[in-house]
Amino acid sequence: MKTTVYTSDKQTHFIKELKDVFSDIRKSNFLAYQMTKRDIQSQHRQSILGVFWILFPVIINSFIWLFLNGSGVVSIQIPGGLPYPVYVILGTTIWNIFTETIQSPILSVNQGRGIISKINFPKEALLMAGIYKIIFNLLIKMIPIIGVMIYYQIVPSWDIILFPIYIFVILLFSFSIGLIITPLGLIYTDISKLINTGIPFLMYVTPVVYAIPKSGFFKYLFELNPMTYLITDTRNSLVGLDAQYTLYIIILSVISFILLSIGLVIFRKSMPIIIEKIGG
């Protein structure tokens, strides 16, 4: 009986904390918007090429694989008759959204180090500012996707209405993972270095620039990678191919929301300790 009551009290406390977090998120929307506006303006004001730098990683990574495939160094076959440039540019863009989002919580708080210990404000505003910047960058990254689809005369089917949903799930999944590791990442810089080093390797077991192997050890690695399902169906929704992993994505959405809820509460609880560490 005592165990049951104790567990119930913990659940009630968690739900209360989560409600407080969402309340602070709503209250900090305007502050987050102002932070985003300031950061975007200051970032691009001193840059000659401006928003081009948002597209630069996608363009360079796509160009490398297009060059390797075109020169015959690597021979890549894409199922479904999709032109390889379309496959690569869409996959690379979606992957870049994932990598940017998973790093967003740590980067957003690191950028606010100068004020979090001096000014009292909802720290969730930093997370929201990171999300707003991701959305801004996402809109810019749609330019090459639209361009390559027009050039290759790709006509989307009705499945294109699912594209925003898939993007939302990718953002939810990657942001929740980034949020869970943020407290440790803010205290130990090794975490950020590990992410920066590990994510490029993860791309090679994800159907970003080549299809899922039909057999062998790497086929199983692809199947163990949640991003395999997200990237495949997100790309398919744009090019008129059928969704293949609807059930997996629904399950992943539920798991991501649970992780996000836990991550928000952990973030709220850990911020006083983090501020003390940063201030010290």
C-alpha atoms as a PDB file:
ATOM      1  CA  MET A   1       0.000   0.000   0.000  1.00  0.00           C
ATOM      2  CA  LYS A   2       2.812   2.414   0.901  1.00  0.00           C
ATOM      3  CA  THR A   3       4.555   1.640  -2.385  1.00  0.00           C
ATOM      4  CA  THR A   4       1.368   2.366  -4.320  1.00  0.00           C
ATOM      5  CA  VAL A   5       0.821   5.683  -2.558  1.00  0.00           C
ATOM      6  CA  TYR A   6       4.469   6.658  -3.050  1.00  0.00           C
ATOM      7  CA  THR A   7       4.323   5.839  -6.768  1.00  0.00           C
ATOM      8  CA  SER A   8       1.079   7.798  -7.133  1.00  0.00           C
ATOM      9  CA  ASP A   9       2.644  10.810  -5.394  1.00  0.00           C
ATOM     10  CA  LYS A  10       5.612  10.702  -7.757  1.00  0.00           C
ATOM     11  CA  GLN A  11       3.343  10.566 -10.786  1.00  0.00           C
ATOM     12  CA  THR A  12       1.260  13.466  -9.472  1.00  0.00           C
ATOM     13  CA  HIS A  13       4.410  15.505  -8.836  1.00  0.00           C
ATOM     14  CA  PHE A  14       5.716  14.739 -12.329  1.00  0.00           C
ATOM     15  CA  ILE A  15       2.443  15.804 -13.958  1.00  0.00           C
ATOM     16  CA  LYS A  16       2.440  19.034 -11.924  1.00  0.00           C
ATOM     17  CA  GLU A  17       6.024  19.772 -12.952  1.00  0.00           C
ATOM     18  CA  LEU A  18       5.140  19.098 -16.585  1.00  0.00           C
ATOM     19  CA  LYS A  19       2.163  21.462 -16.423  1.00  0.00           C
ATOM     20  CA  ASP A  20       4.405  24.159 -14.929  1.00  0.00           C
ATOM     21  CA  VAL A  21       6.905  23.631 -17.754  1.00  0.00           C
ATOM     22  CA  PHE A  22       4.266  24.039 -20.461  1.00  0.00           C
ATOM     23  CA  SER A  23       2.903  27.084 -18.641  1.00  0.00           C
ATOM     24  CA  ASP A  24       6.365  28.695 -18.660  1.00  0.00           C
ATOM     25  CA  ILE A  25       6.775  27.786 -22.334  1.00  0.00           C
ATOM     26  CA  ARG A  26       3.588  29.664 -23.185  1.00  0.00           C
ATOM     27  CA  LYS A  27       4.664  32.646 -21.097  1.00  0.00           C
ATOM     28  CA  SER A  28       8.122  32.755 -22.679  1.00  0.00           C
ATOM     29  CA  ASN A  29       6.976  32.673 -26.313  1.00  0.00           C
ATOM     30  CA  PHE A  30       7.443  36.407 -26.854  1.00  0.00           C
ATOM     31  CA  LEU A  31      10.875  36.376 -25.210  1.00  0.00           C
ATOM     32  CA  ALA A  32      11.889  33.379 -27.325  1.00  0.00           C
ATOM     33  CA  TYR A  33      10.732  35.168 -30.477  1.00  0.00           C
ATOM     34  CA  GLN A  34      12.780  38.253 -29.603  1.00  0.00           C
ATOM     35  CA  MET A  35      15.855  36.099 -28.910  1.00  0.00           C
ATOM     36  CA  THR A  36      15.406  34.332 -32.244  1.00  0.00           C
ATOM     37  CA  LYS A  37      14.984  37.584 -34.130  1.00  0.00           C
ATOM     38  CA  ARG A  38      18.095  39.053 -32.492  1.00  0.00           C
ATOM     39  CA  ASP A  39      20.224  35.960 -33.143  1.00  0.00           C
ATOM     40  CA  ILE A  40      19.181  35.630 -36.805  1.00  0.00           C
ATOM     41  CA  GLN A  41      19.771  39.314 -37.505  1.00  0.00           C
ATOM     42  CA  SER A  42      23.180  39.361 -35.793  1.00  0.00           C
ATOM     43  CA  GLN A  43      24.205  36.104 -37.448  1.00  0.00           C
ATOM     44  CA  HIS A  44      23.457  37.215 -41.014  1.00  0.00           C
ATOM     45  CA  ARG A  45      24.214  40.937 -40.672  1.00  0.00           C
ATOM     46  CA  GLN A  46      27.966  40.252 -40.582  1.00  0.00           C
ATOM     47  CA  SER A  47      27.862  37.653 -43.367  1.00  0.00           C
ATOM     48  CA  ILE A  48      28.192  38.454 -47.068  1.00  0.00           C
ATOM     49  CA  LEU A  49      26.450  35.262 -48.180  1.00  0.00           C
ATOM     50  CA  GLY A  50      23.786  35.450 -45.464  1.00  0.00           C
ATOM     51  CA  VAL A  51      21.301  32.570 -45.447  1.00  0.00           C
ATOM     52  CA  PHE A  52      23.381  30.669 -48.002  1.00  0.00           C
ATOM     53  CA  TRP A  53      25.350  29.244 -45.072  1.00  0.00           C
ATOM     54  CA  ILE A  54      22.176  27.446 -43.959  1.00  0.00           C
ATOM     55  CA  LEU A  55      22.194  25.577 -47.276  1.00  0.00           C
ATOM     56  CA  PHE A  56      25.965  25.129 -47.465  1.00  0.00           C
ATOM     57  CA  PRO A  57      26.239  21.784 -45.548  1.00  0.00           C
ATOM     58  CA  VAL A  58      23.435  20.257 -47.628  1.00  0.00           C
ATOM     59  CA  ILE A  59      24.921  21.461 -50.925  1.00  0.00           C
ATOM     60  CA  ILE A  60      28.461  20.291 -50.136  1.00  0.00           C
ATOM     61  CA  ASN A  61      27.420  16.876 -48.840  1.00  0.00           C
ATOM     62  CA  SER A  62      25.094  16.309 -51.798  1.00  0.00           C
ATOM     63  CA  PHE A  63      27.746  17.427 -54.287  1.00  0.00           C
ATOM     64  CA  ILE A  64      30.315  14.991 -52.872  1.00  0.00           C
ATOM     65  CA  TRP A  65      28.024  11.987 -53.319  1.00  0.00           C
ATOM     66  CA  LEU A  66      26.805  13.117 -56.722  1.00  0.00           C
ATOM     67  CA  PHE A  67      30.421  13.477 -57.831  1.00  0.00           C
ATOM     68  CA  LEU A  68      31.394  10.038 -56.481  1.00  0.00           C
ATOM     69  CA  ASN A  69      28.415   8.398 -58.162  1.00  0.00           C
ATOM     70  CA  GLY A  70      28.885  10.275 -61.435  1.00  0.00           C
ATOM     71  CA  SER A  71      32.596   9.501 -61.640  1.00  0.00           C
ATOM     72  CA  GLY A  72      32.001   5.796 -61.066  1.00  0.00           C
ATOM     73  CA  VAL A  73      33.972   5.684 -57.801  1.00  0.00           C
ATOM     74  CA  VAL A  74      30.826   4.363 -56.162  1.00  0.00           C
ATOM     75  CA  SER A  75      27.872   2.793 -57.958  1.00  0.00           C
ATOM     76  CA  ILE A  76      24.567   3.323 -56.194  1.00  0.00           C
ATOM     77  CA  GLN A  77      21.259   1.872 -57.347  1.00  0.00           C
ATOM     78  CA  ILE A  78      18.070   3.501 -56.093  1.00  0.00           C
ATOM     79  CA  PRO A  79      14.843   1.449 -56.054  1.00  0.00           C
ATOM     80  CA  GLY A  80      11.664   2.897 -57.502  1.00  0.00           C
ATOM     81  CA  GLY A  81      13.346   4.645 -60.434  1.00  0.00           C
ATOM     82  CA  LEU A  82      13.984   7.852 -58.471  1.00  0.00           C
ATOM     83  CA  PRO A  83      16.771  10.016 -59.976  1.00  0.00           C
ATOM     84  CA  TYR A  84      19.849   9.825 -57.765  1.00  0.00           C
ATOM     85  CA  PRO A  85      20.250  13.620 -57.365  1.00  0.00           C
ATOM     86  CA  VAL A  86      16.670  13.821 -56.061  1.00  0.00           C
ATOM     87  CA  TYR A  87      17.317  10.934 -53.673  1.00  0.00           C
ATOM     88  CA  VAL A  88      20.526  12.485 -52.350  1.00  0.00           C
ATOM     89  CA  ILE A  89      19.389  16.096 -51.991  1.00  0.00           C
ATOM     90  CA  LEU A  90      16.153  15.127 -50.237  1.00  0.00           C
ATOM     91  CA  GLY A  91      17.913  12.646 -47.968  1.00  0.00           C
ATOM     92  CA  THR A  92      20.740  15.027 -47.102  1.00  0.00           C
ATOM     93  CA  THR A  93      18.347  17.879 -46.353  1.00  0.00           C
ATOM     94  CA  ILE A  94      16.183  15.746 -44.056  1.00  0.00           C
ATOM     95  CA  TRP A  95      19.295  14.390 -42.331  1.00  0.00           C
ATOM     96  CA  ASN A  96      20.606  17.918 -41.807  1.00  0.00           C
ATOM     97  CA  ILE A  97      17.310  18.865 -40.140  1.00  0.00           C
ATOM     98  CA  PHE A  98      17.761  15.916 -37.776  1.00  0.00           C
ATOM     99  CA  THR A  99      21.370  16.745 -36.871  1.00  0.00           C
ATOM    100  CA  GLU A 100      20.624  20.428 -36.359  1.00  0.00           C
ATOM    101  CA  THR A 101      17.647  19.688 -34.121  1.00  0.00           C
ATOM    102  CA  ILE A 102      19.382  17.136 -31.905  1.00  0.00           C
ATOM    103  CA  GLN A 103      22.105  19.689 -31.154  1.00  0.00           C
ATOM    104  CA  SER A 104      19.697  22.591 -30.700  1.00  0.00           C
ATOM    105  CA  PRO A 105      19.002  22.326 -26.923  1.00  0.00           C
ATOM    106  CA  ILE A 106      22.675  22.293 -25.941  1.00  0.00           C
ATOM    107  CA  LEU A 107      23.613  25.045 -28.411  1.00  0.00           C
ATOM    108  CA  SER A 108      20.688  27.253 -27.355  1.00  0.00           C
ATOM    109  CA  VAL A 109      21.584  27.110 -23.668  1.00  0.00           C
ATOM    110  CA  ASN A 110      25.293  27.550 -24.398  1.00  0.00           C
ATOM    111  CA  GLN A 111      24.497  30.683 -26.394  1.00  0.00           C
ATOM    112  CA  GLY A 112      22.548  32.001 -23.401  1.00  0.00           C
ATOM    113  CA  ARG A 113      25.320  31.349 -20.859  1.00  0.00           C
ATOM    114  CA  GLY A 114      25.944  35.058 -20.494  1.00  0.00           C
ATOM    115  CA  ILE A 115      22.446  35.822 -19.225  1.00  0.00           C
ATOM    116  CA  ILE A 116      21.059  32.707 -17.526  1.00  0.00           C
ATOM    117  CA  SER A 117      23.000  33.349 -14.317  1.00  0.00           C
ATOM    118  CA  LYS A 118      22.346  37.100 -14.319  1.00  0.00           C
ATOM    119  CA  ILE A 119      18.713  37.479 -15.361  1.00  0.00           C
ATOM    120  CA  ASN A 120      15.729  35.647 -13.929  1.00  0.00           C
ATOM    121  CA  PHE A 121      13.535  34.383 -16.776  1.00  0.00           C
ATOM    122  CA  PRO A 122      11.984  31.042 -17.808  1.00  0.00           C
ATOM    123  CA  LYS A 123      14.900  29.041 -19.148  1.00  0.00           C
ATOM    124  CA  GLU A 124      12.484  27.234 -21.469  1.00  0.00           C
ATOM    125  CA  ALA A 125      12.657  30.419 -23.580  1.00  0.00           C
ATOM    126  CA  LEU A 126      16.128  29.295 -24.684  1.00  0.00           C
ATOM    127  CA  LEU A 127      14.716  25.992 -25.905  1.00  0.00           C
ATOM    128  CA  MET A 128      11.885  27.742 -27.732  1.00  0.00           C
ATOM    129  CA  ALA A 129      14.336  30.145 -29.383  1.00  0.00           C
ATOM    130  CA  GLY A 130      16.263  27.121 -30.644  1.00  0.00           C
ATOM    131  CA  ILE A 131      13.089  25.635 -32.105  1.00  0.00           C
ATOM    132  CA  TYR A 132      12.175  28.897 -33.836  1.00  0.00           C
ATOM    133  CA  LYS A 133      15.611  29.026 -35.441  1.00  0.00           C
ATOM    134  CA  ILE A 134      15.213  25.436 -36.613  1.00  0.00           C
ATOM    135  CA  ILE A 135      11.880  26.326 -38.246  1.00  0.00           C
ATOM    136  CA  PHE A 136      13.459  29.367 -39.918  1.00  0.00           C
ATOM    137  CA  ASN A 137      16.315  27.251 -41.247  1.00  0.00           C
ATOM    138  CA  LEU A 138      13.854  24.559 -42.339  1.00  0.00           C
ATOM    139  CA  LEU A 139      11.997  27.030 -44.560  1.00  0.00           C
ATOM    140  CA  ILE A 140      15.282  28.022 -46.209  1.00  0.00           C
ATOM    141  CA  LYS A 141      16.236  24.376 -46.713  1.00  0.00           C
ATOM    142  CA  MET A 142      13.031  23.743 -48.632  1.00  0.00           C
ATOM    143  CA  ILE A 143      14.429  25.847 -51.511  1.00  0.00           C
ATOM    144  CA  PRO A 144      16.777  23.164 -52.961  1.00  0.00           C
ATOM    145  CA  ILE A 145      14.098  20.494 -52.409  1.00  0.00           C
ATOM    146  CA  ILE A 146      11.556  22.456 -54.441  1.00  0.00           C
ATOM    147  CA  GLY A 147      14.192  23.310 -57.055  1.00  0.00           C
ATOM    148  CA  VAL A 148      15.343  19.745 -57.657  1.00  0.00           C
ATOM    149  CA  MET A 149      11.770  18.439 -57.803  1.00  0.00           C
ATOM    150  CA  ILE A 150      10.856  21.045 -60.416  1.00  0.00           C
ATOM    151  CA  TYR A 151      14.017  20.345 -62.431  1.00  0.00           C
ATOM    152  CA  TYR A 152      13.384  16.572 -62.529  1.00  0.00           C
ATOM    153  CA  GLN A 153       9.639  17.080 -62.977  1.00  0.00           C
ATOM    154  CA  ILE A 154       8.727  15.104 -59.881  1.00  0.00           C
ATOM    155  CA  VAL A 155       4.962  15.266 -59.406  1.00  0.00           C
ATOM    156  CA  PRO A 156       3.962  14.575 -55.783  1.00  0.00           C
ATOM    157  CA  SER A 157       0.892  12.508 -54.974  1.00  0.00           C
ATOM    158  CA  TRP A 158      -1.679  13.217 -52.269  1.00  0.00           C
ATOM    159  CA  ASP A 159       0.867  11.763 -49.792  1.00  0.00           C
ATOM    160  CA  ILE A 160       2.579  15.163 -49.782  1.00  0.00           C
ATOM    161  CA  ILE A 161       0.072  16.271 -47.141  1.00  0.00           C
ATOM    162  CA  LEU A 162       1.880  13.864 -44.802  1.00  0.00           C
ATOM    163  CA  PHE A 163       5.221  15.629 -45.302  1.00  0.00           C
ATOM    164  CA  PRO A 164       4.661  18.252 -42.540  1.00  0.00           C
ATOM    165  CA  ILE A 165       3.616  15.455 -40.171  1.00  0.00           C
ATOM    166  CA  TYR A 166       6.777  13.467 -40.876  1.00  0.00           C
ATOM    167  CA  ILE A 167       8.911  16.577 -40.406  1.00  0.00           C
ATOM    168  CA  PHE A 168       7.171  17.244 -37.091  1.00  0.00           C
ATOM    169  CA  VAL A 169       7.938  13.690 -35.933  1.00  0.00           C
ATOM    170  CA  ILE A 170      11.599  14.112 -36.924  1.00  0.00           C
ATOM    171  CA  LEU A 171      11.775  17.368 -34.969  1.00  0.00           C
ATOM    172  CA  LEU A 172      10.031  15.774 -31.984  1.00  0.00           C
ATOM    173  CA  PHE A 173      12.271  12.708 -32.024  1.00  0.00           C
ATOM    174  CA  SER A 174      15.574  14.533 -32.444  1.00  0.00           C
ATOM    175  CA  PHE A 175      14.732  17.395 -30.059  1.00  0.00           C
ATOM    176  CA  SER A 176      13.641  14.974 -27.320  1.00  0.00           C
ATOM    177  CA  ILE A 177      16.945  13.079 -27.574  1.00  0.00           C
ATOM    178  CA  GLY A 178      18.898  16.337 -27.558  1.00  0.00           C
ATOM    179  CA  LEU A 179      16.943  17.559 -24.538  1.00  0.00           C
ATOM    180  CA  ILE A 180      17.547  14.369 -22.549  1.00  0.00           C
ATOM    181  CA  ILE A 181      21.330  14.701 -22.927  1.00  0.00           C
ATOM    182  CA  THR A 182      21.424  18.495 -22.515  1.00  0.00           C
ATOM    183  CA  PRO A 183      22.069  18.627 -18.721  1.00  0.00           C
ATOM    184  CA  LEU A 184      25.130  16.389 -19.025  1.00  0.00           C
ATOM    185  CA  GLY A 185      26.180  18.128 -22.245  1.00  0.00           C
ATOM    186  CA  LEU A 186      26.220  21.511 -20.523  1.00  0.00           C
ATOM    187  CA  ILE A 187      28.438  20.237 -17.712  1.00  0.00           C
ATOM    188  CA  TYR A 188      30.695  17.926 -19.721  1.00  0.00           C
ATOM    189  CA  THR A 189      31.866  19.160 -23.128  1.00  0.00           C
ATOM    190  CA  ASP A 190      32.681  15.570 -24.067  1.00  0.00           C
ATOM    191  CA  ILE A 191      28.980  15.013 -24.780  1.00  0.00           C
ATOM    192  CA  SER A 192      28.875  17.643 -27.526  1.00  0.00           C
ATOM    193  CA  LYS A 193      32.091  16.312 -29.020  1.00  0.00           C
ATOM    194  CA  LEU A 194      30.689  12.779 -28.967  1.00  0.00           C
ATOM    195  CA  ILE A 195      27.543  13.924 -30.787  1.00  0.00           C
ATOM    196  CA  ASN A 196      29.525  15.843 -33.411  1.00  0.00           C
ATOM    197  CA  THR A 197      31.731  12.808 -33.992  1.00  0.00           C
ATOM    198  CA  GLY A 198      29.051  10.121 -33.878  1.00  0.00           C
ATOM    199  CA  ILE A 199      26.325  11.679 -36.034  1.00  0.00           C
ATOM    200  CA  PRO A 200      28.338  11.536 -39.319  1.00  0.00           C
ATOM    201  CA  PHE A 201      28.962   7.805 -38.718  1.00  0.00           C
ATOM    202  CA  LEU A 202      25.260   7.267 -38.004  1.00  0.00           C
ATOM    203  CA  MET A 203      24.465   8.693 -41.433  1.00  0.00           C
ATOM    204  CA  TYR A 204      26.158   5.698 -43.073  1.00  0.00           C
ATOM    205  CA  VAL A 205      23.617   3.308 -41.532  1.00  0.00           C
ATOM    206  CA  THR A 206      20.723   5.517 -42.630  1.00  0.00           C
ATOM    207  CA  PRO A 207      19.253   5.663 -46.178  1.00  0.00           C
ATOM    208  CA  VAL A 208      20.446   9.218 -46.776  1.00  0.00           C
ATOM    209  CA  VAL A 209      22.663   8.785 -49.838  1.00  0.00           C
ATOM    210  CA  TYR A 210      22.099   5.099 -50.630  1.00  0.00           C
ATOM    211  CA  ALA A 211      19.279   2.625 -50.200  1.00  0.00           C
ATOM    212  CA  ILE A 212      18.841   0.036 -47.469  1.00  0.00           C
ATOM    213  CA  PRO A 213      20.951  -3.051 -48.243  1.00  0.00           C
ATOM    214  CA  LYS A 214      18.883  -6.088 -49.227  1.00  0.00           C
ATOM    215  CA  SER A 215      20.876  -8.473 -47.067  1.00  0.00           C
ATOM    216  CA  GLY A 216      23.859  -8.766 -44.779  1.00  0.00           C
ATOM    217  CA  PHE A 217      24.972  -7.221 -41.496  1.00  0.00           C
ATOM    218  CA  PHE A 218      24.408  -3.625 -42.605  1.00  0.00           C
ATOM    219  CA  LYS A 219      20.783  -4.408 -43.443  1.00  0.00           C
ATOM    220  CA  TYR A 220      20.197  -5.168 -39.753  1.00  0.00           C
ATOM    221  CA  LEU A 221      22.021  -2.006 -38.693  1.00  0.00           C
ATOM    222  CA  PHE A 222      19.736   0.025 -40.949  1.00  0.00           C
ATOM    223  CA  GLU A 223      16.683  -1.670 -39.465  1.00  0.00           C
ATOM    224  CA  LEU A 224      17.832  -0.889 -35.915  1.00  0.00           C
ATOM    225  CA  ASN A 225      18.154   2.798 -36.763  1.00  0.00           C
ATOM    226  CA  PRO A 226      14.881   4.742 -36.142  1.00  0.00           C
ATOM    227  CA  MET A 227      15.933   7.411 -38.641  1.00  0.00           C
ATOM    228  CA  THR A 228      15.756   4.795 -41.403  1.00  0.00           C
ATOM    229  CA  TYR A 229      11.973   4.771 -41.177  1.00  0.00           C
ATOM    230  CA  LEU A 230      11.599   8.524 -40.742  1.00  0.00           C
ATOM    231  CA  ILE A 231      13.822   9.501 -43.656  1.00  0.00           C
ATOM    232  CA  THR A 232      12.392   6.867 -46.011  1.00  0.00           C
ATOM    233  CA  ASP A 233       8.752   7.825 -45.528  1.00  0.00           C
ATOM    234  CA  THR A 234       9.463  11.572 -45.392  1.00  0.00           C
ATOM    235  CA  ARG A 235      11.242  11.377 -48.755  1.00  0.00           C
ATOM    236  CA  ASN A 236       8.559   9.081 -50.193  1.00  0.00           C
ATOM    237  CA  SER A 237       5.835  11.568 -49.266  1.00  0.00           C
ATOM    238  CA  LEU A 238       7.502  14.168 -51.511  1.00  0.00           C
ATOM    239  CA  VAL A 239       8.192  12.027 -54.558  1.00  0.00           C
ATOM    240  CA  GLY A 240       4.897  10.165 -54.839  1.00  0.00           C
ATOM    241  CA  LEU A 241       6.021   6.822 -53.394  1.00  0.00           C
ATOM    242  CA  ASP A 242       3.957   4.876 -50.877  1.00  0.00           C
ATOM    243  CA  ALA A 243       4.592   5.066 -47.135  1.00  0.00           C
ATOM    244  CA  GLN A 244       6.311   1.927 -45.868  1.00  0.00           C
ATOM    245  CA  TYR A 245       6.651   2.359 -42.116  1.00  0.00           C
ATOM    246  CA  THR A 246       3.494   4.047 -40.845  1.00  0.00           C
ATOM    247  CA  LEU A 247       3.171   1.848 -37.751  1.00  0.00           C
ATOM    248  CA  TYR A 248       6.834   2.333 -36.803  1.00  0.00           C
ATOM    249  CA  ILE A 249       6.483   6.106 -37.090  1.00  0.00           C
ATOM    250  CA  ILE A 250       3.348   6.154 -34.917  1.00  0.00           C
ATOM    251  CA  ILE A 251       5.150   4.152 -32.236  1.00  0.00           C
ATOM    252  CA  LEU A 252       8.205   6.407 -32.531  1.00  0.00           C
ATOM    253  CA  SER A 253       5.986   9.486 -32.147  1.00  0.00           C
ATOM    254  CA  VAL A 254       4.548   8.194 -28.876  1.00  0.00           C
ATOM    255  CA  ILE A 255       8.001   7.299 -27.539  1.00  0.00           C
ATOM    256  CA  SER A 256       9.342  10.708 -28.581  1.00  0.00           C
ATOM    257  CA  PHE A 257       6.549  12.545 -26.775  1.00  0.00           C
ATOM    258  CA  ILE A 258       7.247  10.561 -23.596  1.00  0.00           C
ATOM    259  CA  LEU A 259      10.968  11.337 -23.885  1.00  0.00           C
ATOM    260  CA  LEU A 260      10.177  15.012 -24.497  1.00  0.00           C
ATOM    261  CA  SER A 261       8.019  15.171 -21.355  1.00  0.00           C
ATOM    262  CA  ILE A 262      10.735  13.531 -19.261  1.00  0.00           C
ATOM    263  CA  GLY A 263      13.405  15.725 -20.825  1.00  0.00           C
ATOM    264  CA  LEU A 264      11.510  18.946 -20.079  1.00  0.00           C
ATOM    265  CA  VAL A 265      11.119  18.029 -16.415  1.00  0.00           C
ATOM    266  CA  ILE A 266      14.773  16.983 -16.132  1.00  0.00           C
ATOM    267  CA  PHE A 267      15.816  20.227 -17.812  1.00  0.00           C
ATOM    268  CA  ARG A 268      13.727  22.276 -15.370  1.00  0.00           C
ATOM    269  CA  LYS A 269      15.070  20.422 -12.336  1.00  0.00           C
ATOM    270  CA  SER A 270      18.694  20.512 -13.457  1.00  0.00           C
ATOM    271  CA  MET A 271      18.916  24.161 -14.500  1.00  0.00           C
ATOM    272  CA  PRO A 272      19.710  25.500 -10.972  1.00  0.00           C
ATOM    273  CA  ILE A 273      22.632  23.066 -10.744  1.00  0.00           C
ATOM    274  CA  ILE A 274      23.786  23.939 -14.263  1.00  0.00           C
ATOM    275  CA  ILE A 275      23.566  27.676 -13.570  1.00  0.00           C
ATOM    276  CA  GLU A 276      25.637  27.169 -10.413  1.00  0.00           C
ATOM    277  CA  LYS A 277      28.243  25.219 -12.371  1.00  0.00           C
ATOM    278  CA  ILE A 278      28.363  27.821 -15.147  1.00  0.00           C
ATOM    279  CA  GLY A 279      28.480  30.691 -12.675  1.00  0.00           C
ATOM    280  CA  GLY A 280      31.230  29.002 -10.733  1.00  0.00           C
END
